[in-house]
């Protein structure tokens, strides 16, 4: 599969799409309000408190990227996902939960970085 086809297929998977968006916010590349409408419960408020510290800020000016993202579906309309974030020689981990609403849209309901829970 060509690089662009891989990128397209990846963008169409909700856990990859959310991993990229969460990384952009938690690395300081995008403002927190970019996640409005894409979070439920306390997740947005937790991101508001966490994002100013940019915990996934680029190391050595190397833009962080999602190297790998996996998923587990414990039930219908729920995805529990993890992402390995790479920035230079640094690897970070992020876990998050997605819930599918009645409108069929996926929303983030929890995020965890380095053992610190960011949502409910």
PDB file of N, CA and C in Angstrom:
ATOM      1  N   UNK A   1       0.853  -1.178   0.000  1.00  0.00           N
ATOM      2  CA  UNK A   1       0.000   0.000   0.000  1.00  0.00           C
ATOM      3  C   UNK A   1       0.896   1.238   0.000  1.00  0.00           C
ATOM      4  N   UNK A   2       0.626   2.185  -0.857  1.00  0.00           N
ATOM      5  CA  UNK A   2       1.415   3.416  -0.950  1.00  0.00           C
ATOM      6  C   UNK A   2       1.254   4.243   0.315  1.00  0.00           C
ATOM      7  N   UNK A   3       2.241   5.120   0.569  1.00  0.00           N
ATOM      8  CA  UNK A   3       2.224   5.957   1.771  1.00  0.00           C
ATOM      9  C   UNK A   3       0.947   6.754   1.928  1.00  0.00           C
ATOM     10  N   UNK A   4       0.443   7.339   0.854  1.00  0.00           N
ATOM     11  CA  UNK A   4      -0.773   8.146   0.962  1.00  0.00           C
ATOM     12  C   UNK A   4      -1.993   7.275   1.241  1.00  0.00           C
ATOM     13  N   UNK A   5      -2.011   6.058   0.710  1.00  0.00           N
ATOM     14  CA  UNK A   5      -3.121   5.147   0.977  1.00  0.00           C
ATOM     15  C   UNK A   5      -3.100   4.712   2.445  1.00  0.00           C
ATOM     16  N   UNK A   6      -1.909   4.496   2.997  1.00  0.00           N
ATOM     17  CA  UNK A   6      -1.778   4.136   4.405  1.00  0.00           C
ATOM     18  C   UNK A   6      -2.273   5.292   5.265  1.00  0.00           C
ATOM     19  N   UNK A   7      -1.861   6.515   4.927  1.00  0.00           N
ATOM     20  CA  UNK A   7      -2.285   7.692   5.689  1.00  0.00           C
ATOM     21  C   UNK A   7      -3.799   7.856   5.630  1.00  0.00           C
ATOM     22  N   UNK A   8      -4.405   7.642   4.464  1.00  0.00           N
ATOM     23  CA  UNK A   8      -5.864   7.761   4.324  1.00  0.00           C
ATOM     24  C   UNK A   8      -6.580   6.717   5.166  1.00  0.00           C
ATOM     25  N   UNK A   9      -6.114   5.477   5.109  1.00  0.00           N
ATOM     26  CA  UNK A   9      -6.740   4.402   5.885  1.00  0.00           C
ATOM     27  C   UNK A   9      -6.615   4.689   7.373  1.00  0.00           C
ATOM     28  N   UNK A  10      -5.473   5.206   7.778  1.00  0.00           N
ATOM     29  CA  UNK A  10      -5.233   5.535   9.184  1.00  0.00           C
ATOM     30  C   UNK A  10      -6.173   6.640   9.645  1.00  0.00           C
ATOM     31  N   UNK A  11      -6.354   7.677   8.844  1.00  0.00           N
ATOM     32  CA  UNK A  11      -7.241   8.795   9.208  1.00  0.00           C
ATOM     33  C   UNK A  11      -8.679   8.352   9.370  1.00  0.00           C
ATOM     34  N   UNK A  12      -9.079   7.294   8.679  1.00  0.00           N
ATOM     35  CA  UNK A  12     -10.458   6.819   8.752  1.00  0.00           C
ATOM     36  C   UNK A  12     -10.739   5.957   9.980  1.00  0.00           C
ATOM     37  N   UNK A  13      -9.722   5.639  10.765  1.00  0.00           N
ATOM     38  CA  UNK A  13      -9.901   4.845  11.979  1.00  0.00           C
ATOM     39  C   UNK A  13      -9.987   5.806  13.152  1.00  0.00           C
ATOM     40  N   UNK A  14     -11.076   5.769  13.936  1.00  0.00           N
ATOM     41  CA  UNK A  14     -11.286   6.785  14.970  1.00  0.00           C
ATOM     42  C   UNK A  14     -10.168   6.891  15.999  1.00  0.00           C
ATOM     43  N   UNK A  15      -9.570   5.777  16.388  1.00  0.00           N
ATOM     44  CA  UNK A  15      -8.534   5.864  17.419  1.00  0.00           C
ATOM     45  C   UNK A  15      -7.284   6.576  16.901  1.00  0.00           C
ATOM     46  N   UNK A  16      -6.932   6.400  15.631  1.00  0.00           N
ATOM     47  CA  UNK A  16      -5.794   7.136  15.069  1.00  0.00           C
ATOM     48  C   UNK A  16      -6.132   8.617  14.943  1.00  0.00           C
ATOM     49  N   UNK A  17      -7.336   8.911  14.493  1.00  0.00           N
ATOM     50  CA  UNK A  17      -7.761  10.306  14.324  1.00  0.00           C
ATOM     51  C   UNK A  17      -7.683  11.041  15.655  1.00  0.00           C
ATOM     52  N   UNK A  18      -8.208  10.417  16.717  1.00  0.00           N
ATOM     53  CA  UNK A  18      -8.171  11.041  18.035  1.00  0.00           C
ATOM     54  C   UNK A  18      -6.753  11.119  18.584  1.00  0.00           C
ATOM     55  N   UNK A  19      -5.936  10.104  18.360  1.00  0.00           N
ATOM     56  CA  UNK A  19      -4.547  10.147  18.838  1.00  0.00           C
ATOM     57  C   UNK A  19      -3.826  11.352  18.245  1.00  0.00           C
ATOM     58  N   UNK A  20      -4.013  11.588  16.951  1.00  0.00           N
ATOM     59  CA  UNK A  20      -3.379  12.744  16.302  1.00  0.00           C
ATOM     60  C   UNK A  20      -3.880  14.059  16.891  1.00  0.00           C
ATOM     61  N   UNK A  21      -5.179  14.160  17.121  1.00  0.00           N
ATOM     62  CA  UNK A  21      -5.754  15.394  17.684  1.00  0.00           C
ATOM     63  C   UNK A  21      -5.304  15.628  19.125  1.00  0.00           C
ATOM     64  N   UNK A  22      -5.336  14.585  19.941  1.00  0.00           N
ATOM     65  CA  UNK A  22      -4.895  14.732  21.322  1.00  0.00           C
ATOM     66  C   UNK A  22      -3.419  15.106  21.383  1.00  0.00           C
ATOM     67  N   UNK A  23      -2.610  14.496  20.530  1.00  0.00           N
ATOM     68  CA  UNK A  23      -1.189  14.837  20.486  1.00  0.00           C
ATOM     69  C   UNK A  23      -0.989  16.302  20.118  1.00  0.00           C
ATOM     70  N   UNK A  24      -1.732  16.789  19.147  1.00  0.00           N
ATOM     71  CA  UNK A  24      -1.599  18.190  18.737  1.00  0.00           C
ATOM     72  C   UNK A  24      -1.901  19.134  19.902  1.00  0.00           C
ATOM     73  N   UNK A  25      -2.897  18.821  20.693  1.00  0.00           N
ATOM     74  CA  UNK A  25      -3.263  19.663  21.841  1.00  0.00           C
ATOM     75  C   UNK A  25      -2.245  19.513  22.965  1.00  0.00           C
ATOM     76  N   UNK A  26      -1.875  18.284  23.286  1.00  0.00           N
ATOM     77  CA  UNK A  26      -0.998  18.047  24.432  1.00  0.00           C
ATOM     78  C   UNK A  26       0.472  18.351  24.147  1.00  0.00           C
ATOM     79  N   UNK A  27       0.794  18.654  22.891  1.00  0.00           N
ATOM     80  CA  UNK A  27       2.156  19.064  22.554  1.00  0.00           C
ATOM     81  C   UNK A  27       2.233  20.570  22.322  1.00  0.00           C
ATOM     82  N   UNK A  28       1.102  21.251  22.464  1.00  0.00           N
ATOM     83  CA  UNK A  28       1.089  22.695  22.299  1.00  0.00           C
ATOM     84  C   UNK A  28       0.976  23.165  20.857  1.00  0.00           C
ATOM     85  N   UNK A  29       0.722  22.250  19.926  1.00  0.00           N
ATOM     86  CA  UNK A  29       0.612  22.624  18.516  1.00  0.00           C
ATOM     87  C   UNK A  29      -0.757  23.199  18.161  1.00  0.00           C
ATOM     88  N   UNK A  30      -1.765  22.833  18.935  1.00  0.00           N
ATOM     89  CA  UNK A  30      -3.140  23.300  18.713  1.00  0.00           C
ATOM     90  C   UNK A  30      -3.733  23.739  20.036  1.00  0.00           C
ATOM     91  N   UNK A  31      -4.682  24.680  19.998  1.00  0.00           N
ATOM     92  CA  UNK A  31      -5.334  25.110  21.247  1.00  0.00           C
ATOM     93  C   UNK A  31      -6.332  24.058  21.733  1.00  0.00           C
ATOM     94  N   UNK A  32      -6.601  24.084  23.018  1.00  0.00           N
ATOM     95  CA  UNK A  32      -7.513  23.114  23.620  1.00  0.00           C
ATOM     96  C   UNK A  32      -8.901  23.187  22.983  1.00  0.00           C
ATOM     97  N   UNK A  33      -9.377  24.388  22.657  1.00  0.00           N
ATOM     98  CA  UNK A  33     -10.731  24.493  22.108  1.00  0.00           C
ATOM     99  C   UNK A  33     -10.885  23.732  20.790  1.00  0.00           C
ATOM    100  N   UNK A  34      -9.796  23.303  20.201  1.00  0.00           N
ATOM    101  CA  UNK A  34      -9.837  22.460  19.002  1.00  0.00           C
ATOM    102  C   UNK A  34     -10.541  21.137  19.299  1.00  0.00           C
ATOM    103  N   UNK A  35     -10.613  20.755  20.596  1.00  0.00           N
ATOM    104  CA  UNK A  35     -11.265  19.510  21.000  1.00  0.00           C
ATOM    105  C   UNK A  35     -12.721  19.697  21.416  1.00  0.00           C
ATOM    106  N   UNK A  36     -13.218  20.922  21.403  1.00  0.00           N
ATOM    107  CA  UNK A  36     -14.634  21.151  21.712  1.00  0.00           C
ATOM    108  C   UNK A  36     -15.489  20.318  20.758  1.00  0.00           C
ATOM    109  N   UNK A  37     -16.485  19.682  21.267  1.00  0.00           N
ATOM    110  CA  UNK A  37     -17.351  18.852  20.439  1.00  0.00           C
ATOM    111  C   UNK A  37     -16.795  17.458  20.190  1.00  0.00           C
ATOM    112  N   UNK A  38     -15.539  17.230  20.577  1.00  0.00           N
ATOM    113  CA  UNK A  38     -14.919  15.916  20.389  1.00  0.00           C
ATOM    114  C   UNK A  38     -14.642  15.227  21.721  1.00  0.00           C
ATOM    115  N   UNK A  39     -15.147  15.823  22.814  1.00  0.00           N
ATOM    116  CA  UNK A  39     -14.966  15.244  24.146  1.00  0.00           C
ATOM    117  C   UNK A  39     -16.315  15.185  24.853  1.00  0.00           C
ATOM    118  N   UNK A  40     -16.409  14.324  25.847  1.00  0.00           N
ATOM    119  CA  UNK A  40     -17.616  14.232  26.684  1.00  0.00           C
ATOM    120  C   UNK A  40     -17.186  14.162  28.137  1.00  0.00           C
ATOM    121  N   UNK A  41     -18.119  14.467  29.016  1.00  0.00           N
ATOM    122  CA  UNK A  41     -17.850  14.389  30.451  1.00  0.00           C
ATOM    123  C   UNK A  41     -16.765  15.364  30.863  1.00  0.00           C
ATOM    124  N   UNK A  42     -15.939  14.925  31.784  1.00  0.00           N
ATOM    125  CA  UNK A  42     -14.866  15.759  32.319  1.00  0.00           C
ATOM    126  C   UNK A  42     -13.646  15.838  31.414  1.00  0.00           C
ATOM    127  N   UNK A  43     -13.599  15.078  30.343  1.00  0.00           N
ATOM    128  CA  UNK A  43     -12.393  15.012  29.513  1.00  0.00           C
ATOM    129  C   UNK A  43     -11.948  16.387  29.015  1.00  0.00           C
ATOM    130  N   UNK A  44     -12.872  17.229  28.563  1.00  0.00           N
ATOM    131  CA  UNK A  44     -12.478  18.545  28.057  1.00  0.00           C
ATOM    132  C   UNK A  44     -11.891  19.411  29.162  1.00  0.00           C
ATOM    133  N   UNK A  45     -12.543  19.447  30.322  1.00  0.00           N
ATOM    134  CA  UNK A  45     -12.041  20.248  31.440  1.00  0.00           C
ATOM    135  C   UNK A  45     -10.662  19.766  31.888  1.00  0.00           C
ATOM    136  N   UNK A  46     -10.463  18.476  31.878  1.00  0.00           N
ATOM    137  CA  UNK A  46      -9.155  17.936  32.230  1.00  0.00           C
ATOM    138  C   UNK A  46      -8.103  18.356  31.202  1.00  0.00           C
ATOM    139  N   UNK A  47      -8.454  18.344  29.925  1.00  0.00           N
ATOM    140  CA  UNK A  47      -7.522  18.799  28.890  1.00  0.00           C
ATOM    141  C   UNK A  47      -7.192  20.279  29.066  1.00  0.00           C
ATOM    142  N   UNK A  48      -8.188  21.066  29.469  1.00  0.00           N
ATOM    143  CA  UNK A  48      -7.969  22.497  29.721  1.00  0.00           C
ATOM    144  C   UNK A  48      -6.919  22.680  30.810  1.00  0.00           C
ATOM    145  N   UNK A  49      -6.975  21.857  31.840  1.00  0.00           N
ATOM    146  CA  UNK A  49      -6.002  21.968  32.935  1.00  0.00           C
ATOM    147  C   UNK A  49      -4.626  21.423  32.542  1.00  0.00           C
ATOM    148  N   UNK A  50      -4.572  20.393  31.719  1.00  0.00           N
ATOM    149  CA  UNK A  50      -3.312  19.740  31.383  1.00  0.00           C
ATOM    150  C   UNK A  50      -2.561  20.417  30.234  1.00  0.00           C
ATOM    151  N   UNK A  51      -3.266  20.874  29.226  1.00  0.00           N
ATOM    152  CA  UNK A  51      -2.641  21.376  27.999  1.00  0.00           C
ATOM    153  C   UNK A  51      -1.640  22.515  28.198  1.00  0.00           C
ATOM    154  N   UNK A  52      -1.877  23.470  29.108  1.00  0.00           N
ATOM    155  CA  UNK A  52      -0.886  24.551  29.251  1.00  0.00           C
ATOM    156  C   UNK A  52       0.525  24.055  29.574  1.00  0.00           C
ATOM    157  N   UNK A  53       0.655  22.920  30.211  1.00  0.00           N
ATOM    158  CA  UNK A  53       1.968  22.354  30.500  1.00  0.00           C
ATOM    159  C   UNK A  53       2.578  21.614  29.321  1.00  0.00           C
ATOM    160  N   UNK A  54       1.821  21.448  28.245  1.00  0.00           N
ATOM    161  CA  UNK A  54       2.260  20.745  27.034  1.00  0.00           C
ATOM    162  C   UNK A  54       3.115  19.515  27.363  1.00  0.00           C
ATOM    163  N   UNK A  55       2.524  18.514  28.028  1.00  0.00           N
ATOM    164  CA  UNK A  55       3.303  17.351  28.468  1.00  0.00           C
ATOM    165  C   UNK A  55       3.940  16.552  27.327  1.00  0.00           C
ATOM    166  N   UNK A  56       3.451  16.701  26.116  1.00  0.00           N
ATOM    167  CA  UNK A  56       4.041  15.991  24.971  1.00  0.00           C
ATOM    168  C   UNK A  56       4.777  16.972  24.051  1.00  0.00           C
ATOM    169  N   UNK A  57       5.272  18.043  24.645  1.00  0.00           N
ATOM    170  CA  UNK A  57       6.039  19.064  23.919  1.00  0.00           C
ATOM    171  C   UNK A  57       7.180  18.392  23.149  1.00  0.00           C
ATOM    172  N   UNK A  58       7.499  18.903  21.972  1.00  0.00           N
ATOM    173  CA  UNK A  58       8.584  18.314  21.179  1.00  0.00           C
ATOM    174  C   UNK A  58       9.908  18.292  21.938  1.00  0.00           C
ATOM    175  N   UNK A  59      10.627  17.191  21.810  1.00  0.00           N
ATOM    176  CA  UNK A  59      11.963  17.077  22.392  1.00  0.00           C
ATOM    177  C   UNK A  59      12.975  17.495  21.325  1.00  0.00           C
ATOM    178  N   UNK A  60      13.898  18.330  21.696  1.00  0.00           N
ATOM    179  CA  UNK A  60      14.952  18.754  20.769  1.00  0.00           C
ATOM    180  C   UNK A  60      14.395  19.289  19.453  1.00  0.00           C
ATOM    181  N   UNK A  61      13.288  20.001  19.541  1.00  0.00           N
ATOM    182  CA  UNK A  61      12.653  20.622  18.369  1.00  0.00           C
ATOM    183  C   UNK A  61      12.195  19.627  17.300  1.00  0.00           C
ATOM    184  N   UNK A  62      12.062  18.361  17.679  1.00  0.00           N
ATOM    185  CA  UNK A  62      11.568  17.332  16.763  1.00  0.00           C
ATOM    186  C   UNK A  62      10.079  17.182  17.018  1.00  0.00           C
ATOM    187  N   UNK A  63       9.269  17.464  16.025  1.00  0.00           N
ATOM    188  CA  UNK A  63       7.820  17.397  16.175  1.00  0.00           C
ATOM    189  C   UNK A  63       7.388  15.976  16.552  1.00  0.00           C
ATOM    190  N   UNK A  64       6.616  15.855  17.620  1.00  0.00           N
ATOM    191  CA  UNK A  64       6.163  14.512  18.017  1.00  0.00           C
ATOM    192  C   UNK A  64       5.165  13.944  17.014  1.00  0.00           C
ATOM    193  N   UNK A  65       5.196  12.625  16.871  1.00  0.00           N
ATOM    194  CA  UNK A  65       4.291  11.929  15.956  1.00  0.00           C
ATOM    195  C   UNK A  65       3.734  10.690  16.640  1.00  0.00           C
ATOM    196  N   UNK A  66       2.582  10.265  16.183  1.00  0.00           N
ATOM    197  CA  UNK A  66       2.008   9.003  16.648  1.00  0.00           C
ATOM    198  C   UNK A  66       2.713   7.896  15.869  1.00  0.00           C
ATOM    199  N   UNK A  67       3.520   7.124  16.571  1.00  0.00           N
ATOM    200  CA  UNK A  67       4.259   6.036  15.912  1.00  0.00           C
ATOM    201  C   UNK A  67       3.393   4.796  15.738  1.00  0.00           C
ATOM    202  N   UNK A  68       2.581   4.535  16.732  1.00  0.00           N
ATOM    203  CA  UNK A  68       1.721   3.352  16.695  1.00  0.00           C
ATOM    204  C   UNK A  68       0.487   3.634  17.525  1.00  0.00           C
ATOM    205  N   UNK A  69      -0.626   3.057  17.115  1.00  0.00           N
ATOM    206  CA  UNK A  69      -1.860   3.239  17.864  1.00  0.00           C
ATOM    207  C   UNK A  69      -2.635   1.923  17.795  1.00  0.00           C
ATOM    208  N   UNK A  70      -3.009   1.416  18.937  1.00  0.00           N
ATOM    209  CA  UNK A  70      -3.758   0.170  18.995  1.00  0.00           C
ATOM    210  C   UNK A  70      -5.094   0.384  19.672  1.00  0.00           C
ATOM    211  N   UNK A  71      -5.967  -0.576  19.509  1.00  0.00           N
ATOM    212  CA  UNK A  71      -7.305  -0.444  20.077  1.00  0.00           C
ATOM    213  C   UNK A  71      -7.808  -1.766  20.631  1.00  0.00           C
ATOM    214  N   UNK A  72      -8.714  -1.643  21.585  1.00  0.00           N
ATOM    215  CA  UNK A  72      -9.457  -2.765  22.141  1.00  0.00           C
ATOM    216  C   UNK A  72     -10.893  -2.296  22.239  1.00  0.00           C
ATOM    217  N   UNK A  73     -11.829  -3.128  21.796  1.00  0.00           N
ATOM    218  CA  UNK A  73     -13.241  -2.763  21.872  1.00  0.00           C
ATOM    219  C   UNK A  73     -13.924  -3.643  22.916  1.00  0.00           C
ATOM    220  N   UNK A  74     -14.059  -3.117  24.163  1.00  0.00           N
ATOM    221  CA  UNK A  74     -14.660  -3.910  25.232  1.00  0.00           C
ATOM    222  C   UNK A  74     -16.158  -4.118  25.060  1.00  0.00           C
ATOM    223  N   UNK A  75     -16.780  -3.365  24.169  1.00  0.00           N
ATOM    224  CA  UNK A  75     -18.210  -3.501  23.918  1.00  0.00           C
ATOM    225  C   UNK A  75     -18.597  -2.621  22.747  1.00  0.00           C
ATOM    226  N   UNK A  76     -19.838  -2.717  22.313  1.00  0.00           N
ATOM    227  CA  UNK A  76     -20.292  -1.900  21.196  1.00  0.00           C
ATOM    228  C   UNK A  76     -20.186  -0.408  21.525  1.00  0.00           C
ATOM    229  N   UNK A  77     -19.674   0.357  20.589  1.00  0.00           N
ATOM    230  CA  UNK A  77     -19.602   1.798  20.763  1.00  0.00           C
ATOM    231  C   UNK A  77     -18.552   2.287  21.741  1.00  0.00           C
ATOM    232  N   UNK A  78     -17.573   1.438  22.065  1.00  0.00           N
ATOM    233  CA  UNK A  78     -16.505   1.828  22.989  1.00  0.00           C
ATOM    234  C   UNK A  78     -15.164   1.357  22.427  1.00  0.00           C
ATOM    235  N   UNK A  79     -14.200   2.252  22.416  1.00  0.00           N
ATOM    236  CA  UNK A  79     -12.833   1.904  22.030  1.00  0.00           C
ATOM    237  C   UNK A  79     -11.900   2.372  23.136  1.00  0.00           C
ATOM    238  N   UNK A  80     -11.087   1.467  23.625  1.00  0.00           N
ATOM    239  CA  UNK A  80     -10.008   1.826  24.539  1.00  0.00           C
ATOM    240  C   UNK A  80      -8.742   1.711  23.711  1.00  0.00           C
ATOM    241  N   UNK A  81      -7.991   2.814  23.619  1.00  0.00           N
ATOM    242  CA  UNK A  81      -6.857   2.876  22.709  1.00  0.00           C
ATOM    243  C   UNK A  81      -5.581   3.298  23.427  1.00  0.00           C
ATOM    244  N   UNK A  82      -4.455   2.977  22.790  1.00  0.00           N
ATOM    245  CA  UNK A  82      -3.166   3.445  23.269  1.00  0.00           C
ATOM    246  C   UNK A  82      -2.403   3.997  22.075  1.00  0.00           C
ATOM    247  N   UNK A  83      -1.490   4.903  22.347  1.00  0.00           N
ATOM    248  CA  UNK A  83      -0.637   5.445  21.294  1.00  0.00           C
ATOM    249  C   UNK A  83       0.777   5.582  21.828  1.00  0.00           C
ATOM    250  N   UNK A  84       1.739   5.230  20.983  1.00  0.00           N
ATOM    251  CA  UNK A  84       3.144   5.477  21.280  1.00  0.00           C
ATOM    252  C   UNK A  84       3.524   6.746  20.529  1.00  0.00           C
ATOM    253  N   UNK A  85       3.998   7.717  21.280  1.00  0.00           N
ATOM    254  CA  UNK A  85       4.336   9.019  20.728  1.00  0.00           C
ATOM    255  C   UNK A  85       5.859   9.132  20.662  1.00  0.00           C
ATOM    256  N   UNK A  86       6.382   9.435  19.501  1.00  0.00           N
ATOM    257  CA  UNK A  86       7.818   9.591  19.338  1.00  0.00           C
ATOM    258  C   UNK A  86       8.181  11.032  19.046  1.00  0.00           C
ATOM    259  N   UNK A  87       9.257  11.484  19.694  1.00  0.00           N
ATOM    260  CA  UNK A  87       9.800  12.819  19.447  1.00  0.00           C
ATOM    261  C   UNK A  87      11.305  12.720  19.645  1.00  0.00           C
ATOM    262  N   UNK A  88      12.034  12.636  18.546  1.00  0.00           N
ATOM    263  CA  UNK A  88      13.468  12.397  18.646  1.00  0.00           C
ATOM    264  C   UNK A  88      13.703  11.031  19.258  1.00  0.00           C
ATOM    265  N   UNK A  89      14.551  10.975  20.284  1.00  0.00           N
ATOM    266  CA  UNK A  89      14.833   9.714  20.979  1.00  0.00           C
ATOM    267  C   UNK A  89      13.833   9.414  22.079  1.00  0.00           C
ATOM    268  N   UNK A  90      12.922  10.324  22.325  1.00  0.00           N
ATOM    269  CA  UNK A  90      11.959  10.180  23.419  1.00  0.00           C
ATOM    270  C   UNK A  90      10.697   9.452  22.948  1.00  0.00           C
ATOM    271  N   UNK A  91      10.240   8.503  23.755  1.00  0.00           N
ATOM    272  CA  UNK A  91       8.978   7.796  23.499  1.00  0.00           C
ATOM    273  C   UNK A  91       8.060   8.054  24.688  1.00  0.00           C
ATOM    274  N   UNK A  92       6.842   8.448  24.418  1.00  0.00           N
ATOM    275  CA  UNK A  92       5.832   8.656  25.456  1.00  0.00           C
ATOM    276  C   UNK A  92       4.640   7.773  25.132  1.00  0.00           C
ATOM    277  N   UNK A  93       3.826   7.540  26.140  1.00  0.00           N
ATOM    278  CA  UNK A  93       2.626   6.723  25.952  1.00  0.00           C
ATOM    279  C   UNK A  93       1.393   7.533  26.309  1.00  0.00           C
ATOM    280  N   UNK A  94       0.332   7.268  25.596  1.00  0.00           N
ATOM    281  CA  UNK A  94      -0.946   7.922  25.844  1.00  0.00           C
ATOM    282  C   UNK A  94      -2.029   6.851  25.697  1.00  0.00           C
ATOM    283  N   UNK A  95      -2.958   6.829  26.625  1.00  0.00           N
ATOM    284  CA  UNK A  95      -4.108   5.934  26.529  1.00  0.00           C
ATOM    285  C   UNK A  95      -5.353   6.797  26.566  1.00  0.00           C
ATOM    286  N   UNK A  96      -6.391   6.377  25.856  1.00  0.00           N
ATOM    287  CA  UNK A  96      -7.624   7.160  25.846  1.00  0.00           C
ATOM    288  C   UNK A  96      -8.812   6.259  25.539  1.00  0.00           C
ATOM    289  N   UNK A  97      -9.983   6.755  25.899  1.00  0.00           N
ATOM    290  CA  UNK A  97     -11.233   6.010  25.698  1.00  0.00           C
ATOM    291  C   UNK A  97     -12.131   6.834  24.787  1.00  0.00           C
ATOM    292  N   UNK A  98     -12.725   6.163  23.832  1.00  0.00           N
ATOM    293  CA  UNK A  98     -13.680   6.791  22.920  1.00  0.00           C
ATOM    294  C   UNK A  98     -15.037   6.137  23.105  1.00  0.00           C
ATOM    295  N   UNK A  99     -16.073   6.960  23.039  1.00  0.00           N
ATOM    296  CA  UNK A  99     -17.438   6.453  23.129  1.00  0.00           C
ATOM    297  C   UNK A  99     -18.227   6.985  21.945  1.00  0.00           C
ATOM    298  N   UNK A 100     -18.996   6.118  21.339  1.00  0.00           N
ATOM    299  CA  UNK A 100     -19.798   6.502  20.183  1.00  0.00           C
ATOM    300  C   UNK A 100     -21.181   6.918  20.663  1.00  0.00           C
ATOM    301  N   UNK A 101     -21.582   8.138  20.314  1.00  0.00           N
ATOM    302  CA  UNK A 101     -22.875   8.656  20.732  1.00  0.00           C
ATOM    303  C   UNK A 101     -24.015   8.162  19.864  1.00  0.00           C
ATOM    304  N   UNK A 102     -25.222   8.515  20.256  1.00  0.00           N
ATOM    305  CA  UNK A 102     -26.414   8.144  19.494  1.00  0.00           C
ATOM    306  C   UNK A 102     -26.366   8.698  18.075  1.00  0.00           C
ATOM    307  N   UNK A 103     -25.613   9.801  17.892  1.00  0.00           N
ATOM    308  CA  UNK A 103     -25.457  10.401  16.562  1.00  0.00           C
ATOM    309  C   UNK A 103     -24.355   9.728  15.738  1.00  0.00           C
ATOM    310  N   UNK A 104     -23.807   8.622  16.263  1.00  0.00           N
ATOM    311  CA  UNK A 104     -22.755   7.819  15.634  1.00  0.00           C
ATOM    312  C   UNK A 104     -21.381   8.496  15.611  1.00  0.00           C
ATOM    313  N   UNK A 105     -21.247   9.656  16.256  1.00  0.00           N
ATOM    314  CA  UNK A 105     -19.955  10.335  16.329  1.00  0.00           C
ATOM    315  C   UNK A 105     -19.165   9.805  17.518  1.00  0.00           C
ATOM    316  N   UNK A 106     -17.866   9.670  17.329  1.00  0.00           N
ATOM    317  CA  UNK A 106     -16.972   9.254  18.406  1.00  0.00           C
ATOM    318  C   UNK A 106     -16.530  10.474  19.185  1.00  0.00           C
ATOM    319  N   UNK A 107     -16.468  10.328  20.513  1.00  0.00           N
ATOM    320  CA  UNK A 107     -15.998  11.404  21.382  1.00  0.00           C
ATOM    321  C   UNK A 107     -15.066  10.808  22.429  1.00  0.00           C
ATOM    322  N   UNK A 108     -14.078  11.588  22.802  1.00  0.00           N
ATOM    323  CA  UNK A 108     -13.108  11.166  23.808  1.00  0.00           C
ATOM    324  C   UNK A 108     -13.697  11.391  25.196  1.00  0.00           C
ATOM    325  N   UNK A 109     -13.633  10.364  26.040  1.00  0.00           N
ATOM    326  CA  UNK A 109     -14.174  10.496  27.393  1.00  0.00           C
ATOM    327  C   UNK A 109     -13.088  10.372  28.459  1.00  0.00           C
ATOM    328  N   UNK A 110     -11.885   9.972  28.082  1.00  0.00           N
ATOM    329  CA  UNK A 110     -10.792   9.850  29.052  1.00  0.00           C
ATOM    330  C   UNK A 110      -9.458   9.828  28.333  1.00  0.00           C
ATOM    331  N   UNK A 111      -8.451  10.377  29.007  1.00  0.00           N
ATOM    332  CA  UNK A 111      -7.078  10.362  28.491  1.00  0.00           C
ATOM    333  C   UNK A 111      -6.158  10.082  29.666  1.00  0.00           C
ATOM    334  N   UNK A 112      -5.109   9.303  29.430  1.00  0.00           N
ATOM    335  CA  UNK A 112      -4.124   9.036  30.477  1.00  0.00           C
ATOM    336  C   UNK A 112      -2.731   9.168  29.882  1.00  0.00           C
ATOM    337  N   UNK A 113      -1.891   9.899  30.569  1.00  0.00           N
ATOM    338  CA  UNK A 113      -0.497  10.086  30.190  1.00  0.00           C
ATOM    339  C   UNK A 113       0.380   9.714  31.365  1.00  0.00           C
ATOM    340  N   UNK A 114       1.348   8.888  31.157  1.00  0.00           N
ATOM    341  CA  UNK A 114       2.294   8.574  32.213  1.00  0.00           C
ATOM    342  C   UNK A 114       1.674   8.237  33.550  1.00  0.00           C
ATOM    343  N   UNK A 115       0.537   7.574  33.546  1.00  0.00           N
ATOM    344  CA  UNK A 115      -0.119   7.194  34.783  1.00  0.00           C
ATOM    345  C   UNK A 115      -1.034   8.243  35.363  1.00  0.00           C
ATOM    346  N   UNK A 116      -1.076   9.453  34.772  1.00  0.00           N
ATOM    347  CA  UNK A 116      -1.961  10.500  35.283  1.00  0.00           C
ATOM    348  C   UNK A 116      -3.239  10.533  34.461  1.00  0.00           C
ATOM    349  N   UNK A 117      -4.339  10.250  35.080  1.00  0.00           N
ATOM    350  CA  UNK A 117      -5.622  10.231  34.381  1.00  0.00           C
ATOM    351  C   UNK A 117      -6.077  11.652  34.103  1.00  0.00           C
ATOM    352  N   UNK A 118      -6.548  11.872  32.858  1.00  0.00           N
ATOM    353  CA  UNK A 118      -6.945  13.193  32.435  1.00  0.00           C
ATOM    354  C   UNK A 118      -8.439  13.282  32.204  1.00  0.00           C
ATOM    355  N   UNK A 119      -9.179  12.227  32.251  1.00  0.00           N
ATOM    356  CA  UNK A 119     -10.616  12.262  32.021  1.00  0.00           C
ATOM    357  C   UNK A 119     -11.302  11.170  32.798  1.00  0.00           C
ATOM    358  N   UNK A 120     -12.619  11.142  32.662  1.00  0.00           N
ATOM    359  CA  UNK A 120     -13.401  10.154  33.392  1.00  0.00           C
ATOM    360  C   UNK A 120     -13.895   9.093  32.429  1.00  0.00           C
TER     361      UNK A 120
END
